[in-house]
N, C-alpha and C. Protein backbone atom coordinates (compact mmCIF):
# COMPACT_ATOMS: atom_id res chain seq x y z
N MET A 1 292.20 116.74 76.32
CA MET A 1 292.68 117.42 75.38
C MET A 1 293.21 115.58 74.28
N ASP A 2 293.11 115.01 74.55
CA ASP A 2 292.81 113.65 73.67
C ASP A 2 291.20 113.78 73.30
N ASN A 3 290.13 113.79 74.12
CA ASN A 3 288.67 114.00 73.25
C ASN A 3 289.16 114.76 72.80
N ILE A 4 289.13 116.10 72.30
CA ILE A 4 289.39 117.04 71.13
C ILE A 4 289.57 116.07 70.30
N VAL A 5 290.36 115.86 70.78
CA VAL A 5 291.00 115.47 68.64
C VAL A 5 290.44 114.42 68.65
N GLU A 6 290.22 113.38 69.07
CA GLU A 6 289.65 112.33 68.86
C GLU A 6 287.73 112.16 67.99
N VAL A 7 287.01 114.10 68.91
CA VAL A 7 286.43 114.16 68.51
C VAL A 7 286.18 115.16 67.13
N VAL A 8 287.46 115.80 67.47
CA VAL A 8 288.08 116.35 65.77
C VAL A 8 287.71 115.29 64.46
N THR A 9 288.24 113.99 64.50
CA THR A 9 288.66 113.53 63.88
C THR A 9 287.23 112.49 63.21
N LEU A 10 286.78 112.49 64.63
CA LEU A 10 285.29 111.61 64.02
C LEU A 10 284.59 112.69 63.19
N LEU A 11 284.82 114.25 63.67
CA LEU A 11 283.18 114.81 62.60
C LEU A 11 284.23 115.08 61.20
N ARG A 12 285.47 115.13 60.94
CA ARG A 12 286.16 114.71 59.86
C ARG A 12 285.60 113.59 59.11
N HIS A 13 285.24 112.22 60.19
CA HIS A 13 284.82 111.10 59.25
C HIS A 13 283.33 111.51 58.99
N GLN A 14 282.82 111.94 59.76
CA GLN A 14 281.53 111.66 59.12
C GLN A 14 281.27 112.53 58.50
N SER A 15 281.70 114.23 58.17
CA SER A 15 281.31 114.58 57.02
C SER A 15 281.44 113.79 55.59
N GLU A 16 283.70 112.86 55.97
CA GLU A 16 283.21 112.53 54.47
C GLU A 16 282.35 110.99 54.15
N LEU A 17 281.61 111.04 55.08
CA LEU A 17 280.75 109.71 55.01
C LEU A 17 279.14 110.75 54.72
N GLU A 18 278.97 111.38 54.98
CA GLU A 18 277.80 112.11 54.90
C GLU A 18 278.15 112.05 53.01
N THR A 19 279.11 112.57 52.62
CA THR A 19 279.27 113.30 51.26
C THR A 19 279.43 111.95 50.18
N GLN A 20 279.66 110.69 51.02
CA GLN A 20 279.25 109.35 50.22
C GLN A 20 278.32 109.24 50.11
N LEU A 21 277.32 109.47 50.72
CA LEU A 21 275.90 109.34 50.76
C LEU A 21 275.17 109.48 49.70
N ILE A 22 275.61 110.48 49.58
CA ILE A 22 275.40 112.20 48.48
C ILE A 22 275.37 111.94 47.09
N HIS A 23 276.80 111.42 47.43
CA HIS A 23 277.22 111.61 46.07
C HIS A 23 277.32 109.89 45.17
N GLY A 24 276.79 108.79 45.68
CA GLY A 24 276.41 107.22 45.69
C GLY A 24 277.57 106.47 46.27
N ASP A 25 278.63 107.08 46.22
CA ASP A 25 279.92 106.21 46.49
C ASP A 25 279.71 105.41 47.47
N GLY A 26 280.69 103.78 47.66
CA GLY A 26 280.28 103.14 48.36
C GLY A 26 279.13 102.44 48.06
N THR A 27 278.37 101.57 48.64
CA THR A 27 277.42 100.65 49.09
C THR A 27 277.04 101.64 50.79
N ALA A 28 275.77 101.97 50.50
CA ALA A 28 274.84 102.78 51.16
C ALA A 28 274.47 102.26 52.37
N ALA A 29 274.00 100.88 52.45
CA ALA A 29 274.34 100.07 53.45
C ALA A 29 275.38 100.51 54.72
N ALA A 30 276.61 99.83 54.34
CA ALA A 30 277.89 99.88 55.26
C ALA A 30 278.59 101.54 54.61
N THR A 31 277.81 102.41 54.54
CA THR A 31 278.18 104.14 54.86
C THR A 31 277.03 104.34 55.73
N GLU A 32 276.01 103.98 55.76
CA GLU A 32 274.98 104.35 57.12
C GLU A 32 275.69 103.55 57.97
N HIS A 33 276.01 102.38 57.96
CA HIS A 33 276.17 101.95 59.34
C HIS A 33 277.31 102.26 59.95
N ALA A 34 278.97 102.73 59.26
CA ALA A 34 279.94 103.34 59.66
C ALA A 34 278.80 104.86 60.25
N LEU A 35 278.26 105.63 59.49
CA LEU A 35 278.31 106.74 60.16
C LEU A 35 277.43 107.00 61.22
N GLU A 36 276.18 106.01 62.18
CA GLU A 36 276.07 105.74 62.84
C GLU A 36 276.40 105.07 64.29
N ALA A 37 277.84 104.44 63.82
CA ALA A 37 278.73 104.41 64.61
C ALA A 37 280.16 105.06 65.04
N THR A 38 279.59 106.22 63.68
CA THR A 38 280.47 107.18 64.30
C THR A 38 279.41 108.54 64.90
N ARG A 39 278.47 108.21 64.87
CA ARG A 39 277.85 109.52 65.55
C ARG A 39 277.38 108.79 67.35
N ARG A 40 276.94 107.39 67.36
CA ARG A 40 277.72 107.51 68.39
C ARG A 40 278.60 107.07 69.27
N ARG A 41 279.77 107.39 68.70
CA ARG A 41 281.01 107.54 69.16
C ARG A 41 281.43 108.93 69.50
N LEU A 42 281.04 109.80 68.79
CA LEU A 42 280.79 111.36 68.86
C LEU A 42 279.53 111.35 70.31
N ALA A 43 278.80 110.88 70.24
CA ALA A 43 277.69 110.76 71.92
C ALA A 43 278.70 110.88 72.89
N ALA A 44 279.88 110.36 72.73
CA ALA A 44 280.42 109.70 74.44
C ALA A 44 280.86 110.47 74.54
N HIS A 45 281.27 111.81 73.86
CA HIS A 45 282.41 112.53 74.64
C HIS A 45 282.15 113.99 74.58
N PRO A 46 280.42 114.06 74.96
CA PRO A 46 279.81 115.28 74.85
C PRO A 46 280.44 116.55 75.18
N GLN A 47 280.90 116.92 76.02
CA GLN A 47 281.72 117.89 76.30
C GLN A 47 282.91 118.45 75.73
N ALA A 48 283.43 117.55 75.40
CA ALA A 48 284.70 117.76 73.56
C ALA A 48 283.58 117.82 72.99
N LEU A 49 282.75 117.73 72.09
CA LEU A 49 281.63 117.59 71.12
C LEU A 49 281.03 119.59 71.97
N ASN A 50 280.83 119.42 72.79
CA ASN A 50 280.73 121.04 72.75
C ASN A 50 281.34 122.13 72.15
N ALA A 51 282.63 121.60 72.72
CA ALA A 51 283.72 122.70 73.17
C ALA A 51 284.24 122.13 71.47
N VAL A 52 284.07 121.60 71.00
CA VAL A 52 284.38 121.92 69.16
C VAL A 52 283.42 123.01 68.03
N LEU A 53 281.97 122.18 68.68
CA LEU A 53 280.87 123.11 67.86
C LEU A 53 280.85 124.29 68.45
N GLN A 54 280.85 125.04 69.44
CA GLN A 54 281.34 126.49 70.77
C GLN A 54 282.98 126.46 69.35
N THR A 55 283.62 126.38 69.30
CA THR A 55 284.61 127.37 68.66
C THR A 55 284.46 127.14 67.03
N ALA A 56 283.91 126.18 66.59
CA ALA A 56 283.45 126.23 64.85
C ALA A 56 282.16 127.46 65.18
N ARG A 57 281.70 126.97 66.08
CA ARG A 57 280.63 128.75 65.76
C ARG A 57 281.48 130.14 65.81
N ALA A 58 282.23 129.86 67.17
CA ALA A 58 282.81 131.58 67.31
C ALA A 58 283.54 131.83 65.90
N LEU A 59 284.03 130.85 65.28
CA LEU A 59 285.58 130.97 64.30
C LEU A 59 284.52 131.27 62.55
N GLY A 60 282.89 131.02 62.72
CA GLY A 60 282.81 130.77 61.58
C GLY A 60 282.74 129.87 60.38
N ARG A 61 283.27 128.50 61.02
CA ARG A 61 283.68 127.15 60.19
C ARG A 61 282.69 126.59 60.37
N THR A 62 282.68 125.25 59.74
CA THR A 62 281.95 123.95 59.95
C THR A 62 282.95 123.39 61.10
N PRO A 63 282.24 122.45 61.10
CA PRO A 63 282.48 121.98 62.39
C PRO A 63 284.11 120.50 62.50
N ASP A 64 283.92 120.45 60.86
CA ASP A 64 284.29 119.39 60.64
C ASP A 64 286.01 120.04 59.40
N ARG A 65 286.07 121.60 60.04
CA ARG A 65 287.31 122.66 59.51
C ARG A 65 287.62 123.03 60.88
N ILE A 66 287.51 122.13 61.22
CA ILE A 66 287.89 123.07 62.97
C ILE A 66 289.37 121.78 63.49
N SER A 67 290.26 122.44 64.12
CA SER A 67 291.31 122.06 64.83
C SER A 67 291.20 121.43 66.50
N ALA A 68 292.18 120.67 67.03
CA ALA A 68 292.57 120.96 68.19
C ALA A 68 292.90 121.75 68.57
N GLN A 69 293.79 122.40 67.48
CA GLN A 69 295.04 123.38 68.63
C GLN A 69 293.04 124.60 68.05
N ASP A 70 292.99 125.03 67.34
CA ASP A 70 291.95 126.01 67.13
C ASP A 70 291.33 125.79 68.47
N VAL A 71 290.18 124.64 69.17
CA VAL A 71 289.88 124.62 70.10
C VAL A 71 290.77 125.00 71.44
N ARG A 72 291.77 125.13 71.25
CA ARG A 72 292.81 125.28 71.87
C ARG A 72 293.02 126.33 72.48
N ALA A 73 292.86 127.41 71.15
CA ALA A 73 293.18 128.69 71.19
C ALA A 73 292.20 129.06 71.50
N TRP A 74 291.07 128.64 71.12
CA TRP A 74 289.83 129.49 72.34
C TRP A 74 289.67 129.38 73.00
N GLY A 75 289.63 128.33 73.85
CA GLY A 75 289.98 128.34 75.17
C GLY A 75 288.93 127.12 75.30
N GLY A 76 288.22 126.23 74.51
CA GLY A 76 287.84 125.32 75.45
C GLY A 76 289.27 123.61 75.52
N SER A 77 288.55 123.04 76.35
CA SER A 77 289.73 121.73 77.00
C SER A 77 289.43 120.93 77.02
N ASN A 78 289.65 119.86 77.91
CA ASN A 78 289.49 118.27 77.90
C ASN A 78 290.40 117.57 77.20
């Protein structure tokens, strides 16, 4: 479950960084660097990421709006 919590946190952070890039908040280079680092960290947990993405799809939400409790309730594990 720890991996699920980390993935949920990282997906929310990724969403915030993408929003910063779209709106031009902060330094683009620093934001892009942080976004790449976040994506690498997400890639380190493929099973947990898949569980979160499947839960989001099943619940009809974006991945950044899913909680670890949602994943647990829907049946994901890790």
